[in-house]
């Protein structure tokens, strides 16, 4: 059962981020987005290079999620992005808060599922590899 939930969480995050990426690239190239974007979120990307960097990271990580490759590094990259999304929708634009919470739950489950990959980060006195 836990492997099925991991696969669902992984695919959900991958698909949601790939759709958001395509929508973001529409904005970058000056087209109208096919999904309404939050004006508050777009105000955070006043400088276009931030949007390009974030969307580029998201496309790489979204593809890696869909192909089930390098999941722990994808979790590490997506964690601050998802937390930012949740906080934005919690405090500035509650219209997509449900989706933001679902993203947080899916990422949290992936973090729980792959927790063994992150345990060494929390060691007080880590031993160097030899």
C-alpha atoms as a PDB file:
ATOM      1  CA  UNK A   1       0.000   0.000   0.000  1.00  0.00           C
ATOM      2  CA  UNK A   2       2.785   2.456   0.857  1.00  0.00           C
ATOM      3  CA  UNK A   3       4.469   1.889  -2.520  1.00  0.00           C
ATOM      4  CA  UNK A   4       1.195   2.662  -4.296  1.00  0.00           C
ATOM      5  CA  UNK A   5       0.807   5.900  -2.313  1.00  0.00           C
ATOM      6  CA  UNK A   6       4.396   6.807  -3.160  1.00  0.00           C
ATOM      7  CA  UNK A   7       3.721   6.273  -6.868  1.00  0.00           C
ATOM      8  CA  UNK A   8       0.511   8.321  -6.702  1.00  0.00           C
ATOM      9  CA  UNK A   9       2.276  11.138  -4.846  1.00  0.00           C
ATOM     10  CA  UNK A  10       5.202  11.089  -7.261  1.00  0.00           C
ATOM     11  CA  UNK A  11       3.009  11.148 -10.361  1.00  0.00           C
ATOM     12  CA  UNK A  12       0.683  13.794  -8.889  1.00  0.00           C
ATOM     13  CA  UNK A  13       3.585  16.134  -8.142  1.00  0.00           C
ATOM     14  CA  UNK A  14       5.166  15.491 -11.537  1.00  0.00           C
ATOM     15  CA  UNK A  15       1.989  16.172 -13.510  1.00  0.00           C
ATOM     16  CA  UNK A  16       0.969  19.253 -11.497  1.00  0.00           C
ATOM     17  CA  UNK A  17       4.405  20.802 -11.824  1.00  0.00           C
ATOM     18  CA  UNK A  18       4.669  20.037 -15.546  1.00  0.00           C
ATOM     19  CA  UNK A  19       1.295  21.702 -16.194  1.00  0.00           C
ATOM     20  CA  UNK A  20       2.387  24.706 -14.099  1.00  0.00           C
ATOM     21  CA  UNK A  21       5.670  24.822 -16.005  1.00  0.00           C
ATOM     22  CA  UNK A  22       3.973  24.918 -19.394  1.00  0.00           C
ATOM     23  CA  UNK A  23       1.703  27.664 -18.077  1.00  0.00           C
ATOM     24  CA  UNK A  24       4.752  29.540 -16.741  1.00  0.00           C
ATOM     25  CA  UNK A  25       6.559  29.343 -20.068  1.00  0.00           C
ATOM     26  CA  UNK A  26       3.473  30.794 -21.767  1.00  0.00           C
ATOM     27  CA  UNK A  27       3.854  33.798 -19.459  1.00  0.00           C
ATOM     28  CA  UNK A  28       7.619  34.009 -20.087  1.00  0.00           C
ATOM     29  CA  UNK A  29       7.142  34.075 -23.862  1.00  0.00           C
ATOM     30  CA  UNK A  30       4.400  36.719 -23.639  1.00  0.00           C
ATOM     31  CA  UNK A  31       1.386  34.523 -24.378  1.00  0.00           C
ATOM     32  CA  UNK A  32      -1.760  34.406 -22.299  1.00  0.00           C
ATOM     33  CA  UNK A  33      -1.587  31.521 -19.819  1.00  0.00           C
ATOM     34  CA  UNK A  34      -4.077  28.720 -20.425  1.00  0.00           C
ATOM     35  CA  UNK A  35      -4.660  28.441 -16.659  1.00  0.00           C
ATOM     36  CA  UNK A  36      -5.389  31.613 -14.719  1.00  0.00           C
ATOM     37  CA  UNK A  37      -2.360  32.726 -12.753  1.00  0.00           C
ATOM     38  CA  UNK A  38      -2.439  34.503  -9.449  1.00  0.00           C
ATOM     39  CA  UNK A  39      -1.538  38.196  -9.807  1.00  0.00           C
ATOM     40  CA  UNK A  40       0.098  37.988  -6.371  1.00  0.00           C
ATOM     41  CA  UNK A  41       2.294  35.110  -7.530  1.00  0.00           C
ATOM     42  CA  UNK A  42       3.246  36.895 -10.729  1.00  0.00           C
ATOM     43  CA  UNK A  43       4.162  40.022  -8.745  1.00  0.00           C
ATOM     44  CA  UNK A  44       6.820  37.940  -7.012  1.00  0.00           C
ATOM     45  CA  UNK A  45       8.390  37.308 -10.411  1.00  0.00           C
ATOM     46  CA  UNK A  46       8.824  40.942 -11.318  1.00  0.00           C
ATOM     47  CA  UNK A  47      12.264  40.043 -12.608  1.00  0.00           C
ATOM     48  CA  UNK A  48      11.814  37.576 -15.432  1.00  0.00           C
ATOM     49  CA  UNK A  49      15.049  35.696 -14.737  1.00  0.00           C
ATOM     50  CA  UNK A  50      13.613  34.418 -11.420  1.00  0.00           C
ATOM     51  CA  UNK A  51      10.648  32.914 -13.243  1.00  0.00           C
ATOM     52  CA  UNK A  52      12.942  31.348 -15.855  1.00  0.00           C
ATOM     53  CA  UNK A  53      15.227  29.823 -13.212  1.00  0.00           C
ATOM     54  CA  UNK A  54      12.348  28.473 -11.134  1.00  0.00           C
ATOM     55  CA  UNK A  55      10.472  27.049 -14.120  1.00  0.00           C
ATOM     56  CA  UNK A  56      13.672  25.458 -15.455  1.00  0.00           C
ATOM     57  CA  UNK A  57      14.269  23.752 -12.105  1.00  0.00           C
ATOM     58  CA  UNK A  58      10.643  22.647 -12.016  1.00  0.00           C
ATOM     59  CA  UNK A  59      10.745  21.148 -15.510  1.00  0.00           C
ATOM     60  CA  UNK A  60      13.889  19.155 -14.756  1.00  0.00           C
ATOM     61  CA  UNK A  61      12.508  17.930 -11.431  1.00  0.00           C
ATOM     62  CA  UNK A  62       9.042  17.243 -12.858  1.00  0.00           C
ATOM     63  CA  UNK A  63      10.522  15.036 -15.566  1.00  0.00           C
ATOM     64  CA  UNK A  64      12.738  13.263 -13.020  1.00  0.00           C
ATOM     65  CA  UNK A  65       9.656  12.585 -10.873  1.00  0.00           C
ATOM     66  CA  UNK A  66       7.712  11.146 -13.789  1.00  0.00           C
ATOM     67  CA  UNK A  67      10.624   8.882 -14.728  1.00  0.00           C
ATOM     68  CA  UNK A  68      11.261   7.918 -11.070  1.00  0.00           C
ATOM     69  CA  UNK A  69      14.877   9.118 -11.103  1.00  0.00           C
ATOM     70  CA  UNK A  70      16.866  10.940  -8.383  1.00  0.00           C
ATOM     71  CA  UNK A  71      13.773  11.316  -6.170  1.00  0.00           C
ATOM     72  CA  UNK A  72      15.649  12.435  -3.000  1.00  0.00           C
ATOM     73  CA  UNK A  73      17.301  15.398  -4.761  1.00  0.00           C
ATOM     74  CA  UNK A  74      13.963  16.305  -6.347  1.00  0.00           C
ATOM     75  CA  UNK A  75      12.394  16.298  -2.872  1.00  0.00           C
ATOM     76  CA  UNK A  76      15.185  18.567  -1.620  1.00  0.00           C
ATOM     77  CA  UNK A  77      14.669  20.994  -4.530  1.00  0.00           C
ATOM     78  CA  UNK A  78      10.862  20.961  -4.408  1.00  0.00           C
ATOM     79  CA  UNK A  79      10.607  21.412  -0.619  1.00  0.00           C
ATOM     80  CA  UNK A  80      11.234  25.186  -0.508  1.00  0.00           C
ATOM     81  CA  UNK A  81       9.209  25.689  -3.706  1.00  0.00           C
ATOM     82  CA  UNK A  82       6.167  23.862  -2.294  1.00  0.00           C
ATOM     83  CA  UNK A  83       6.454  25.647   1.056  1.00  0.00           C
ATOM     84  CA  UNK A  84       6.552  28.964  -0.814  1.00  0.00           C
ATOM     85  CA  UNK A  85       3.455  27.959  -2.798  1.00  0.00           C
ATOM     86  CA  UNK A  86       1.579  27.008   0.390  1.00  0.00           C
ATOM     87  CA  UNK A  87       2.525  30.243   2.177  1.00  0.00           C
ATOM     88  CA  UNK A  88       1.597  32.353  -0.853  1.00  0.00           C
ATOM     89  CA  UNK A  89      -1.836  30.769  -1.090  1.00  0.00           C
ATOM     90  CA  UNK A  90      -2.323  30.818   2.660  1.00  0.00           C
ATOM     91  CA  UNK A  91      -1.590  34.517   3.130  1.00  0.00           C
ATOM     92  CA  UNK A  92      -2.038  36.263  -0.231  1.00  0.00           C
ATOM     93  CA  UNK A  93      -4.272  34.277  -2.573  1.00  0.00           C
ATOM     94  CA  UNK A  94      -6.419  31.540  -1.017  1.00  0.00           C
ATOM     95  CA  UNK A  95      -8.023  30.592  -4.358  1.00  0.00           C
ATOM     96  CA  UNK A  96      -5.728  27.582  -4.889  1.00  0.00           C
ATOM     97  CA  UNK A  97      -5.070  26.738  -1.247  1.00  0.00           C
ATOM     98  CA  UNK A  98      -6.528  23.238  -1.640  1.00  0.00           C
ATOM     99  CA  UNK A  99      -4.096  22.414  -4.446  1.00  0.00           C
ATOM    100  CA  UNK A 100      -1.214  23.859  -2.417  1.00  0.00           C
ATOM    101  CA  UNK A 101      -2.137  21.668   0.567  1.00  0.00           C
ATOM    102  CA  UNK A 102      -2.369  18.601  -1.705  1.00  0.00           C
ATOM    103  CA  UNK A 103       1.111  19.405  -3.048  1.00  0.00           C
ATOM    104  CA  UNK A 104       2.393  19.696   0.518  1.00  0.00           C
ATOM    105  CA  UNK A 105       0.815  16.376   1.513  1.00  0.00           C
ATOM    106  CA  UNK A 106       2.216  14.580  -1.553  1.00  0.00           C
ATOM    107  CA  UNK A 107       5.690  16.011  -0.987  1.00  0.00           C
ATOM    108  CA  UNK A 108       5.465  15.206   2.733  1.00  0.00           C
ATOM    109  CA  UNK A 109       4.592  11.604   1.951  1.00  0.00           C
ATOM    110  CA  UNK A 110       7.515  11.326  -0.465  1.00  0.00           C
ATOM    111  CA  UNK A 111       9.785  12.778   2.221  1.00  0.00           C
ATOM    112  CA  UNK A 112       8.442  10.203   4.685  1.00  0.00           C
ATOM    113  CA  UNK A 113       8.827   7.355   2.180  1.00  0.00           C
ATOM    114  CA  UNK A 114      12.437   8.301   1.376  1.00  0.00           C
ATOM    115  CA  UNK A 115      13.322   9.369   4.941  1.00  0.00           C
ATOM    116  CA  UNK A 116      16.279   6.963   5.084  1.00  0.00           C
ATOM    117  CA  UNK A 117      17.990   9.100   2.431  1.00  0.00           C
ATOM    118  CA  UNK A 118      17.758  12.179   4.666  1.00  0.00           C
ATOM    119  CA  UNK A 119      18.562  10.730   8.114  1.00  0.00           C
ATOM    120  CA  UNK A 120      22.291  11.343   7.738  1.00  0.00           C
ATOM    121  CA  UNK A 121      21.657  15.080   7.417  1.00  0.00           C
ATOM    122  CA  UNK A 122      20.444  15.125  11.026  1.00  0.00           C
ATOM    123  CA  UNK A 123      23.462  13.368  12.563  1.00  0.00           C
ATOM    124  CA  UNK A 124      25.188  15.405  15.255  1.00  0.00           C
ATOM    125  CA  UNK A 125      28.661  13.950  14.648  1.00  0.00           C
ATOM    126  CA  UNK A 126      28.692  12.476  11.152  1.00  0.00           C
ATOM    127  CA  UNK A 127      31.464  10.129  10.114  1.00  0.00           C
ATOM    128  CA  UNK A 128      33.245  11.057   6.869  1.00  0.00           C
ATOM    129  CA  UNK A 129      33.340   8.562   4.038  1.00  0.00           C
ATOM    130  CA  UNK A 130      36.699   6.912   3.490  1.00  0.00           C
END
